């Protein structure tokens, strides 16, 4: 049992645990710079915001009707399947646990 850590003796400091790696200095500097930049930004006018949003929406590639229909069908089928699964699990657990919690 030599691997088991022993408690420190009276008057001795506790042994240090494993040291956690500190974030690299460059990364921390980048994070701080980004935070300062974001904090110093002035609010954008609503008109400017919507113009920029419209420019970004123009860059978006939208799916064709066939792809959209297939994707929607898959999502709806999965939602129904999960609802049936959760409902069935709820029914089973309710029947199993009801006798435990029913008033006598």
PDB file of N, CA and C in Angstrom:
ATOM      1  N   UNK A   1       0.823  -1.189   0.000  1.00  0.00           N
ATOM      2  CA  UNK A   1       0.000   0.000   0.000  1.00  0.00           C
ATOM      3  C   UNK A   1       0.866   1.251   0.000  1.00  0.00           C
ATOM      4  N   UNK A   2       1.961   1.211  -0.674  1.00  0.00           N
ATOM      5  CA  UNK A   2       2.847   2.360  -0.725  1.00  0.00           C
ATOM      6  C   UNK A   2       2.262   3.459  -1.600  1.00  0.00           C
ATOM      7  N   UNK A   3       1.313   3.114  -2.475  1.00  0.00           N
ATOM      8  CA  UNK A   3       0.731   4.106  -3.370  1.00  0.00           C
ATOM      9  C   UNK A   3      -0.312   4.976  -2.683  1.00  0.00           C
ATOM     10  N   UNK A   4      -0.832   4.547  -1.541  1.00  0.00           N
ATOM     11  CA  UNK A   4      -1.872   5.288  -0.849  1.00  0.00           C
ATOM     12  C   UNK A   4      -1.250   6.512  -0.189  1.00  0.00           C
ATOM     13  N   UNK A   5      -1.781   7.731  -0.465  1.00  0.00           N
ATOM     14  CA  UNK A   5      -1.223   8.925   0.169  1.00  0.00           C
ATOM     15  C   UNK A   5      -1.494   8.919   1.669  1.00  0.00           C
ATOM     16  N   UNK A   6      -0.489   9.285   2.421  1.00  0.00           N
ATOM     17  CA  UNK A   6      -0.599   9.341   3.878  1.00  0.00           C
ATOM     18  C   UNK A   6      -0.990  10.753   4.291  1.00  0.00           C
ATOM     19  N   UNK A   7      -1.791  10.885   5.349  1.00  0.00           N
ATOM     20  CA  UNK A   7      -2.128  12.228   5.824  1.00  0.00           C
ATOM     21  C   UNK A   7      -0.880  12.916   6.369  1.00  0.00           C
ATOM     22  N   UNK A   8      -0.819  14.244   6.248  1.00  0.00           N
ATOM     23  CA  UNK A   8       0.374  14.955   6.740  1.00  0.00           C
ATOM     24  C   UNK A   8       0.459  14.855   8.264  1.00  0.00           C
ATOM     25  N   UNK A   9       1.689  14.809   8.746  1.00  0.00           N
ATOM     26  CA  UNK A   9       1.898  14.776  10.184  1.00  0.00           C
ATOM     27  C   UNK A   9       1.653  16.163  10.750  1.00  0.00           C
ATOM     28  N   UNK A  10       1.391  16.217  12.031  1.00  0.00           N
ATOM     29  CA  UNK A  10       1.083  17.489  12.690  1.00  0.00           C
ATOM     30  C   UNK A  10       2.243  18.458  12.494  1.00  0.00           C
ATOM     31  N   UNK A  11       1.906  19.674  12.084  1.00  0.00           N
ATOM     32  CA  UNK A  11       2.912  20.704  11.899  1.00  0.00           C
ATOM     33  C   UNK A  11       3.504  20.728  10.497  1.00  0.00           C
ATOM     34  N   UNK A  12       3.162  19.749   9.658  1.00  0.00           N
ATOM     35  CA  UNK A  12       3.674  19.726   8.293  1.00  0.00           C
ATOM     36  C   UNK A  12       2.578  20.182   7.327  1.00  0.00           C
ATOM     37  N   UNK A  13       2.954  20.904   6.279  1.00  0.00           N
ATOM     38  CA  UNK A  13       1.936  21.323   5.304  1.00  0.00           C
ATOM     39  C   UNK A  13       1.442  20.118   4.509  1.00  0.00           C
ATOM     40  N   UNK A  14       0.209  20.243   4.060  1.00  0.00           N
ATOM     41  CA  UNK A  14      -0.385  19.182   3.246  1.00  0.00           C
ATOM     42  C   UNK A  14       0.340  19.109   1.913  1.00  0.00           C
ATOM     43  N   UNK A  15       0.541  17.902   1.388  1.00  0.00           N
ATOM     44  CA  UNK A  15       1.219  17.798   0.094  1.00  0.00           C
ATOM     45  C   UNK A  15       0.362  18.416  -1.005  1.00  0.00           C
ATOM     46  N   UNK A  16       1.029  19.035  -1.941  1.00  0.00           N
ATOM     47  CA  UNK A  16       0.318  19.665  -3.057  1.00  0.00           C
ATOM     48  C   UNK A  16      -0.232  18.594  -3.979  1.00  0.00           C
ATOM     49  N   UNK A  17      -1.441  18.824  -4.460  1.00  0.00           N
ATOM     50  CA  UNK A  17      -2.065  17.884  -5.387  1.00  0.00           C
ATOM     51  C   UNK A  17      -1.483  18.063  -6.766  1.00  0.00           C
ATOM     52  N   UNK A  18      -2.034  17.351  -7.717  1.00  0.00           N
ATOM     53  CA  UNK A  18      -1.541  17.510  -9.085  1.00  0.00           C
ATOM     54  C   UNK A  18      -1.775  18.930  -9.557  1.00  0.00           C
ATOM     55  N   UNK A  19      -0.769  19.482 -10.200  1.00  0.00           N
ATOM     56  CA  UNK A  19      -0.880  20.862 -10.667  1.00  0.00           C
ATOM     57  C   UNK A  19      -1.685  20.910 -11.945  1.00  0.00           C
ATOM     58  N   UNK A  20      -2.568  21.894 -12.017  1.00  0.00           N
ATOM     59  CA  UNK A  20      -3.367  22.092 -13.224  1.00  0.00           C
ATOM     60  C   UNK A  20      -2.575  22.974 -14.170  1.00  0.00           C
ATOM     61  N   UNK A  21      -2.672  22.648 -15.421  1.00  0.00           N
ATOM     62  CA  UNK A  21      -1.965  23.429 -16.426  1.00  0.00           C
ATOM     63  C   UNK A  21      -2.662  24.772 -16.601  1.00  0.00           C
ATOM     64  N   UNK A  22      -1.902  25.832 -16.500  1.00  0.00           N
ATOM     65  CA  UNK A  22      -2.440  27.177 -16.709  1.00  0.00           C
ATOM     66  C   UNK A  22      -2.540  27.419 -18.210  1.00  0.00           C
ATOM     67  N   UNK A  23      -3.519  28.219 -18.622  1.00  0.00           N
ATOM     68  CA  UNK A  23      -3.618  28.521 -20.050  1.00  0.00           C
ATOM     69  C   UNK A  23      -2.336  29.184 -20.534  1.00  0.00           C
ATOM     70  N   UNK A  24      -1.995  28.902 -21.746  1.00  0.00           N
ATOM     71  CA  UNK A  24      -0.792  29.500 -22.318  1.00  0.00           C
ATOM     72  C   UNK A  24      -0.898  31.014 -22.289  1.00  0.00           C
ATOM     73  N   UNK A  25       0.223  31.681 -22.037  1.00  0.00           N
ATOM     74  CA  UNK A  25       0.225  33.131 -21.901  1.00  0.00           C
ATOM     75  C   UNK A  25      -0.363  33.832 -23.104  1.00  0.00           C
ATOM     76  N   UNK A  26      -0.009  33.375 -24.302  1.00  0.00           N
ATOM     77  CA  UNK A  26      -0.519  34.000 -25.520  1.00  0.00           C
ATOM     78  C   UNK A  26      -2.019  33.874 -25.635  1.00  0.00           C
ATOM     79  N   UNK A  27      -2.540  32.735 -25.273  1.00  0.00           N
ATOM     80  CA  UNK A  27      -3.989  32.517 -25.365  1.00  0.00           C
ATOM     81  C   UNK A  27      -4.727  33.413 -24.394  1.00  0.00           C
ATOM     82  N   UNK A  28      -4.197  33.524 -23.180  1.00  0.00           N
ATOM     83  CA  UNK A  28      -4.838  34.363 -22.169  1.00  0.00           C
ATOM     84  C   UNK A  28      -4.804  35.832 -22.604  1.00  0.00           C
ATOM     85  N   UNK A  29      -3.698  36.236 -23.214  1.00  0.00           N
ATOM     86  CA  UNK A  29      -3.600  37.609 -23.709  1.00  0.00           C
ATOM     87  C   UNK A  29      -4.648  37.871 -24.786  1.00  0.00           C
ATOM     88  N   UNK A  30      -4.827  36.909 -25.690  1.00  0.00           N
ATOM     89  CA  UNK A  30      -5.834  37.049 -26.748  1.00  0.00           C
ATOM     90  C   UNK A  30      -7.235  37.175 -26.154  1.00  0.00           C
ATOM     91  N   UNK A  31      -7.516  36.368 -25.148  1.00  0.00           N
ATOM     92  CA  UNK A  31      -8.838  36.400 -24.510  1.00  0.00           C
ATOM     93  C   UNK A  31      -9.075  37.757 -23.863  1.00  0.00           C
ATOM     94  N   UNK A  32      -8.068  38.259 -23.165  1.00  0.00           N
ATOM     95  CA  UNK A  32      -8.219  39.561 -22.511  1.00  0.00           C
ATOM     96  C   UNK A  32      -8.376  40.684 -23.529  1.00  0.00           C
ATOM     97  N   UNK A  33      -7.627  40.627 -24.620  1.00  0.00           N
ATOM     98  CA  UNK A  33      -7.747  41.653 -25.658  1.00  0.00           C
ATOM     99  C   UNK A  33      -9.139  41.632 -26.276  1.00  0.00           C
ATOM    100  N   UNK A  34      -9.642  40.423 -26.554  1.00  0.00           N
ATOM    101  CA  UNK A  34     -10.975  40.310 -27.125  1.00  0.00           C
ATOM    102  C   UNK A  34     -12.030  40.856 -26.176  1.00  0.00           C
ATOM    103  N   UNK A  35     -11.886  40.552 -24.899  1.00  0.00           N
ATOM    104  CA  UNK A  35     -12.851  41.032 -23.909  1.00  0.00           C
ATOM    105  C   UNK A  35     -12.817  42.551 -23.832  1.00  0.00           C
ATOM    106  N   UNK A  36     -11.633  43.138 -23.860  1.00  0.00           N
ATOM    107  CA  UNK A  36     -11.525  44.594 -23.806  1.00  0.00           C
ATOM    108  C   UNK A  36     -12.126  45.231 -25.066  1.00  0.00           C
ATOM    109  N   UNK A  37     -11.880  44.625 -26.212  1.00  0.00           N
ATOM    110  CA  UNK A  37     -12.428  45.143 -27.460  1.00  0.00           C
ATOM    111  C   UNK A  37     -13.953  45.109 -27.431  1.00  0.00           C
ATOM    112  N   UNK A  38     -14.508  43.999 -26.965  1.00  0.00           N
ATOM    113  CA  UNK A  38     -15.966  43.881 -26.913  1.00  0.00           C
ATOM    114  C   UNK A  38     -16.564  44.865 -25.915  1.00  0.00           C
ATOM    115  N   UNK A  39     -15.889  45.081 -24.798  1.00  0.00           N
ATOM    116  CA  UNK A  39     -16.401  45.996 -23.783  1.00  0.00           C
ATOM    117  C   UNK A  39     -16.349  47.443 -24.262  1.00  0.00           C
ATOM    118  N   UNK A  40     -15.390  47.770 -25.124  1.00  0.00           N
ATOM    119  CA  UNK A  40     -15.242  49.160 -25.565  1.00  0.00           C
ATOM    120  C   UNK A  40     -16.090  49.492 -26.798  1.00  0.00           C
ATOM    121  N   UNK A  41     -16.741  48.505 -27.399  1.00  0.00           N
ATOM    122  CA  UNK A  41     -17.573  48.773 -28.582  1.00  0.00           C
ATOM    123  C   UNK A  41     -18.803  49.588 -28.208  1.00  0.00           C
ATOM    124  N   UNK A  42     -19.169  50.457 -29.114  1.00  0.00           N
ATOM    125  CA  UNK A  42     -20.382  51.243 -28.925  1.00  0.00           C
ATOM    126  C   UNK A  42     -21.552  50.493 -29.528  1.00  0.00           C
ATOM    127  N   UNK A  43     -22.753  50.700 -29.013  1.00  0.00           N
ATOM    128  CA  UNK A  43     -23.914  50.012 -29.589  1.00  0.00           C
ATOM    129  C   UNK A  43     -24.097  50.395 -31.059  1.00  0.00           C
ATOM    130  N   UNK A  44     -24.580  49.447 -31.832  1.00  0.00           N
ATOM    131  CA  UNK A  44     -24.817  49.662 -33.266  1.00  0.00           C
ATOM    132  C   UNK A  44     -26.256  50.125 -33.444  1.00  0.00           C
ATOM    133  N   UNK A  45     -26.445  51.073 -34.348  1.00  0.00           N
ATOM    134  CA  UNK A  45     -27.791  51.561 -34.642  1.00  0.00           C
ATOM    135  C   UNK A  45     -28.616  50.425 -35.246  1.00  0.00           C
ATOM    136  N   UNK A  46     -29.928  50.397 -34.974  1.00  0.00           N
ATOM    137  CA  UNK A  46     -30.766  49.319 -35.512  1.00  0.00           C
ATOM    138  C   UNK A  46     -30.697  49.203 -37.035  1.00  0.00           C
ATOM    139  N   UNK A  47     -30.663  50.328 -37.722  1.00  0.00           N
ATOM    140  CA  UNK A  47     -30.580  50.290 -39.194  1.00  0.00           C
ATOM    141  C   UNK A  47     -29.311  49.600 -39.660  1.00  0.00           C
ATOM    142  N   UNK A  48     -28.195  49.909 -39.016  1.00  0.00           N
ATOM    143  CA  UNK A  48     -26.919  49.286 -39.362  1.00  0.00           C
ATOM    144  C   UNK A  48     -26.965  47.790 -39.088  1.00  0.00           C
ATOM    145  N   UNK A  49     -27.544  47.430 -37.957  1.00  0.00           N
ATOM    146  CA  UNK A  49     -27.653  46.014 -37.598  1.00  0.00           C
ATOM    147  C   UNK A  49     -28.416  45.248 -38.671  1.00  0.00           C
ATOM    148  N   UNK A  50     -29.576  45.774 -39.091  1.00  0.00           N
ATOM    149  CA  UNK A  50     -30.389  45.065 -40.082  1.00  0.00           C
ATOM    150  C   UNK A  50     -29.711  45.032 -41.450  1.00  0.00           C
ATOM    151  N   UNK A  51     -28.993  46.083 -41.823  1.00  0.00           N
ATOM    152  CA  UNK A  51     -28.248  46.066 -43.082  1.00  0.00           C
ATOM    153  C   UNK A  51     -27.181  44.982 -43.065  1.00  0.00           C
ATOM    154  N   UNK A  52     -26.440  44.890 -41.955  1.00  0.00           N
ATOM    155  CA  UNK A  52     -25.402  43.869 -41.840  1.00  0.00           C
ATOM    156  C   UNK A  52     -26.012  42.467 -41.812  1.00  0.00           C
ATOM    157  N   UNK A  53     -27.137  42.335 -41.127  1.00  0.00           N
ATOM    158  CA  UNK A  53     -27.814  41.029 -41.073  1.00  0.00           C
ATOM    159  C   UNK A  53     -28.269  40.619 -42.465  1.00  0.00           C
ATOM    160  N   UNK A  54     -28.786  41.559 -43.247  1.00  0.00           N
ATOM    161  CA  UNK A  54     -29.251  41.261 -44.601  1.00  0.00           C
ATOM    162  C   UNK A  54     -28.087  40.820 -45.486  1.00  0.00           C
ATOM    163  N   UNK A  55     -26.927  41.486 -45.332  1.00  0.00           N
ATOM    164  CA  UNK A  55     -25.733  41.107 -46.103  1.00  0.00           C
ATOM    165  C   UNK A  55     -25.339  39.671 -45.764  1.00  0.00           C
ATOM    166  N   UNK A  56     -25.377  39.310 -44.473  1.00  0.00           N
ATOM    167  CA  UNK A  56     -25.022  37.947 -44.068  1.00  0.00           C
ATOM    168  C   UNK A  56     -26.044  36.934 -44.585  1.00  0.00           C
ATOM    169  N   UNK A  57     -27.316  37.295 -44.589  1.00  0.00           N
ATOM    170  CA  UNK A  57     -28.341  36.382 -45.100  1.00  0.00           C
ATOM    171  C   UNK A  57     -28.173  36.125 -46.592  1.00  0.00           C
ATOM    172  N   UNK A  58     -27.683  37.124 -47.338  1.00  0.00           N
ATOM    173  CA  UNK A  58     -27.443  36.939 -48.771  1.00  0.00           C
ATOM    174  C   UNK A  58     -26.338  35.910 -49.012  1.00  0.00           C
ATOM    175  N   UNK A  59     -25.399  35.784 -48.062  1.00  0.00           N
ATOM    176  CA  UNK A  59     -24.291  34.837 -48.201  1.00  0.00           C
ATOM    177  C   UNK A  59     -24.731  33.403 -47.902  1.00  0.00           C
ATOM    178  N   UNK A  60     -25.897  33.250 -47.295  1.00  0.00           N
ATOM    179  CA  UNK A  60     -26.367  31.938 -46.877  1.00  0.00           C
ATOM    180  C   UNK A  60     -26.792  31.102 -48.071  1.00  0.00           C
ATOM    181  N   UNK A  61     -26.434  29.825 -48.058  1.00  0.00           N
ATOM    182  CA  UNK A  61     -26.923  28.913 -49.088  1.00  0.00           C
ATOM    183  C   UNK A  61     -28.124  28.180 -48.511  1.00  0.00           C
ATOM    184  N   UNK A  62     -29.249  28.294 -49.175  1.00  0.00           N
ATOM    185  CA  UNK A  62     -30.483  27.702 -48.703  1.00  0.00           C
ATOM    186  C   UNK A  62     -30.708  26.373 -49.389  1.00  0.00           C
ATOM    187  N   UNK A  63     -31.279  25.390 -48.683  1.00  0.00           N
ATOM    188  CA  UNK A  63     -31.516  24.086 -49.308  1.00  0.00           C
ATOM    189  C   UNK A  63     -32.642  24.163 -50.340  1.00  0.00           C
ATOM    190  N   UNK A  64     -32.592  23.254 -51.308  1.00  0.00           N
ATOM    191  CA  UNK A  64     -33.678  23.212 -52.282  1.00  0.00           C
ATOM    192  C   UNK A  64     -34.900  22.542 -51.646  1.00  0.00           C
ATOM    193  N   UNK A  65     -36.020  22.585 -52.331  1.00  0.00           N
ATOM    194  CA  UNK A  65     -37.280  22.096 -51.765  1.00  0.00           C
ATOM    195  C   UNK A  65     -37.214  20.607 -51.398  1.00  0.00           C
ATOM    196  N   UNK A  66     -36.572  19.807 -52.249  1.00  0.00           N
ATOM    197  CA  UNK A  66     -36.468  18.372 -52.011  1.00  0.00           C
ATOM    198  C   UNK A  66     -35.670  18.088 -50.723  1.00  0.00           C
ATOM    199  N   UNK A  67     -34.527  18.744 -50.567  1.00  0.00           N
ATOM    200  CA  UNK A  67     -33.699  18.552 -49.377  1.00  0.00           C
ATOM    201  C   UNK A  67     -34.440  19.016 -48.131  1.00  0.00           C
ATOM    202  N   UNK A  68     -35.123  20.139 -48.239  1.00  0.00           N
ATOM    203  CA  UNK A  68     -35.875  20.666 -47.110  1.00  0.00           C
ATOM    204  C   UNK A  68     -36.988  19.714 -46.690  1.00  0.00           C
ATOM    205  N   UNK A  69     -37.693  19.136 -47.667  1.00  0.00           N
ATOM    206  CA  UNK A  69     -38.776  18.193 -47.374  1.00  0.00           C
ATOM    207  C   UNK A  69     -38.230  16.941 -46.693  1.00  0.00           C
ATOM    208  N   UNK A  70     -37.121  16.406 -47.196  1.00  0.00           N
ATOM    209  CA  UNK A  70     -36.519  15.208 -46.598  1.00  0.00           C
ATOM    210  C   UNK A  70     -36.044  15.482 -45.175  1.00  0.00           C
ATOM    211  N   UNK A  71     -35.384  16.596 -44.987  1.00  0.00           N
ATOM    212  CA  UNK A  71     -34.873  16.937 -43.653  1.00  0.00           C
ATOM    213  C   UNK A  71     -36.016  17.130 -42.660  1.00  0.00           C
ATOM    214  N   UNK A  72     -37.068  17.805 -43.091  1.00  0.00           N
ATOM    215  CA  UNK A  72     -38.223  18.032 -42.220  1.00  0.00           C
ATOM    216  C   UNK A  72     -38.883  16.709 -41.852  1.00  0.00           C
ATOM    217  N   UNK A  73     -38.980  15.801 -42.825  1.00  0.00           N
ATOM    218  CA  UNK A  73     -39.576  14.489 -42.571  1.00  0.00           C
ATOM    219  C   UNK A  73     -38.757  13.708 -41.541  1.00  0.00           C
ATOM    220  N   UNK A  74     -37.447  13.738 -41.680  1.00  0.00           N
ATOM    221  CA  UNK A  74     -36.573  13.033 -40.728  1.00  0.00           C
ATOM    222  C   UNK A  74     -36.733  13.615 -39.332  1.00  0.00           C
ATOM    223  N   UNK A  75     -36.744  14.932 -39.231  1.00  0.00           N
ATOM    224  CA  UNK A  75     -36.875  15.575 -37.917  1.00  0.00           C
ATOM    225  C   UNK A  75     -38.219  15.216 -37.284  1.00  0.00           C
ATOM    226  N   UNK A  76     -39.300  15.318 -38.038  1.00  0.00           N
ATOM    227  CA  UNK A  76     -40.619  14.996 -37.487  1.00  0.00           C
ATOM    228  C   UNK A  76     -40.714  13.526 -37.079  1.00  0.00           C
ATOM    229  N   UNK A  77     -40.135  12.625 -37.885  1.00  0.00           N
ATOM    230  CA  UNK A  77     -40.154  11.203 -37.543  1.00  0.00           C
ATOM    231  C   UNK A  77     -39.386  10.948 -36.247  1.00  0.00           C
ATOM    232  N   UNK A  78     -38.247  11.596 -36.087  1.00  0.00           N
ATOM    233  CA  UNK A  78     -37.467  11.426 -34.857  1.00  0.00           C
ATOM    234  C   UNK A  78     -38.198  12.002 -33.649  1.00  0.00           C
ATOM    235  N   UNK A  79     -38.871  13.121 -33.823  1.00  0.00           N
ATOM    236  CA  UNK A  79     -39.627  13.708 -32.719  1.00  0.00           C
ATOM    237  C   UNK A  79     -40.736  12.760 -32.281  1.00  0.00           C
ATOM    238  N   UNK A  80     -41.449  12.184 -33.250  1.00  0.00           N
ATOM    239  CA  UNK A  80     -42.520  11.235 -32.930  1.00  0.00           C
ATOM    240  C   UNK A  80     -41.940   9.991 -32.251  1.00  0.00           C
ATOM    241  N   UNK A  81     -40.819   9.470 -32.766  1.00  0.00           N
ATOM    242  CA  UNK A  81     -40.197   8.276 -32.183  1.00  0.00           C
ATOM    243  C   UNK A  81     -39.760   8.529 -30.739  1.00  0.00           C
ATOM    244  N   UNK A  82     -39.150   9.665 -30.497  1.00  0.00           N
ATOM    245  CA  UNK A  82     -38.706   9.983 -29.131  1.00  0.00           C
ATOM    246  C   UNK A  82     -39.912  10.184 -28.222  1.00  0.00           C
ATOM    247  N   UNK A  83     -40.968  10.815 -28.718  1.00  0.00           N
ATOM    248  CA  UNK A  83     -42.177  11.013 -27.908  1.00  0.00           C
ATOM    249  C   UNK A  83     -42.791   9.668 -27.529  1.00  0.00           C
ATOM    250  N   UNK A  84     -42.833   8.727 -28.474  1.00  0.00           N
ATOM    251  CA  UNK A  84     -43.367   7.396 -28.179  1.00  0.00           C
ATOM    252  C   UNK A  84     -42.476   6.682 -27.162  1.00  0.00           C
ATOM    253  N   UNK A  85     -41.167   6.785 -27.336  1.00  0.00           N
ATOM    254  CA  UNK A  85     -40.223   6.153 -26.416  1.00  0.00           C
ATOM    255  C   UNK A  85     -40.387   6.710 -25.003  1.00  0.00           C
ATOM    256  N   UNK A  86     -40.406   8.014 -24.876  1.00  0.00           N
ATOM    257  CA  UNK A  86     -40.533   8.636 -23.549  1.00  0.00           C
ATOM    258  C   UNK A  86     -41.906   8.324 -22.947  1.00  0.00           C
ATOM    259  N   UNK A  87     -42.956   8.355 -23.763  1.00  0.00           N
ATOM    260  CA  UNK A  87     -44.292   8.021 -23.263  1.00  0.00           C
ATOM    261  C   UNK A  87     -44.372   6.581 -22.791  1.00  0.00           C
ATOM    262  N   UNK A  88     -43.790   5.653 -23.547  1.00  0.00           N
ATOM    263  CA  UNK A  88     -43.783   4.252 -23.140  1.00  0.00           C
ATOM    264  C   UNK A  88     -42.987   4.029 -21.873  1.00  0.00           C
ATOM    265  N   UNK A  89     -41.827   4.665 -21.788  1.00  0.00           N
ATOM    266  CA  UNK A  89     -41.003   4.560 -20.584  1.00  0.00           C
ATOM    267  C   UNK A  89     -41.735   5.131 -19.379  1.00  0.00           C
ATOM    268  N   UNK A  90     -42.429   6.239 -19.570  1.00  0.00           N
ATOM    269  CA  UNK A  90     -43.200   6.846 -18.488  1.00  0.00           C
ATOM    270  C   UNK A  90     -44.316   5.910 -18.028  1.00  0.00           C
ATOM    271  N   UNK A  91     -45.013   5.288 -18.969  1.00  0.00           N
ATOM    272  CA  UNK A  91     -46.103   4.375 -18.623  1.00  0.00           C
ATOM    273  C   UNK A  91     -45.574   3.171 -17.843  1.00  0.00           C
ATOM    274  N   UNK A  92     -44.449   2.610 -18.295  1.00  0.00           N
ATOM    275  CA  UNK A  92     -43.873   1.448 -17.608  1.00  0.00           C
ATOM    276  C   UNK A  92     -43.432   1.815 -16.201  1.00  0.00           C
ATOM    277  N   UNK A  93     -42.694   2.906 -16.087  1.00  0.00           N
ATOM    278  CA  UNK A  93     -42.203   3.310 -14.764  1.00  0.00           C
ATOM    279  C   UNK A  93     -43.349   3.701 -13.834  1.00  0.00           C
ATOM    280  N   UNK A  94     -44.398   4.307 -14.381  1.00  0.00           N
ATOM    281  CA  UNK A  94     -45.555   4.670 -13.552  1.00  0.00           C
ATOM    282  C   UNK A  94     -46.207   3.422 -12.972  1.00  0.00           C
ATOM    283  N   UNK A  95     -46.369   2.392 -13.810  1.00  0.00           N
ATOM    284  CA  UNK A  95     -46.991   1.145 -13.324  1.00  0.00           C
ATOM    285  C   UNK A  95     -46.105   0.437 -12.300  1.00  0.00           C
ATOM    286  N   UNK A  96     -44.800   0.498 -12.509  1.00  0.00           N
ATOM    287  CA  UNK A  96     -43.892  -0.167 -11.573  1.00  0.00           C
ATOM    288  C   UNK A  96     -43.777   0.569 -10.237  1.00  0.00           C
ATOM    289  N   UNK A  97     -43.764   1.883 -10.292  1.00  0.00           N
ATOM    290  CA  UNK A  97     -43.509   2.668  -9.087  1.00  0.00           C
ATOM    291  C   UNK A  97     -44.770   3.108  -8.362  1.00  0.00           C
ATOM    292  N   UNK A  98     -45.919   3.041  -9.008  1.00  0.00           N
ATOM    293  CA  UNK A  98     -47.161   3.484  -8.365  1.00  0.00           C
ATOM    294  C   UNK A  98     -47.438   2.742  -7.055  1.00  0.00           C
ATOM    295  N   UNK A  99     -47.266   1.438  -6.988  1.00  0.00           N
ATOM    296  CA  UNK A  99     -47.518   0.752  -5.714  1.00  0.00           C
ATOM    297  C   UNK A  99     -46.598   1.218  -4.569  1.00  0.00           C
ATOM    298  N   UNK A 100     -45.427   1.658  -4.905  1.00  0.00           N
ATOM    299  CA  UNK A 100     -44.491   2.114  -3.864  1.00  0.00           C
ATOM    300  C   UNK A 100     -44.927   3.448  -3.247  1.00  0.00           C
ATOM    301  N   UNK A 101     -45.565   4.300  -4.044  1.00  0.00           N
ATOM    302  CA  UNK A 101     -45.904   5.633  -3.584  1.00  0.00           C
ATOM    303  C   UNK A 101     -47.396   5.843  -3.321  1.00  0.00           C
ATOM    304  N   UNK A 102     -48.210   4.833  -3.539  1.00  0.00           N
ATOM    305  CA  UNK A 102     -49.648   4.950  -3.325  1.00  0.00           C
ATOM    306  C   UNK A 102     -49.923   4.974  -1.826  1.00  0.00           C
ATOM    307  N   UNK A 103     -50.868   5.829  -1.404  1.00  0.00           N
ATOM    308  CA  UNK A 103     -51.219   5.856   0.030  1.00  0.00           C
ATOM    309  C   UNK A 103     -51.884   4.539   0.428  1.00  0.00           C
ATOM    310  N   UNK A 104     -51.597   4.094   1.626  1.00  0.00           N
ATOM    311  CA  UNK A 104     -52.131   2.815   2.100  1.00  0.00           C
ATOM    312  C   UNK A 104     -53.401   2.987   2.854  1.00  0.00           C
TER     313      UNK A 104
END
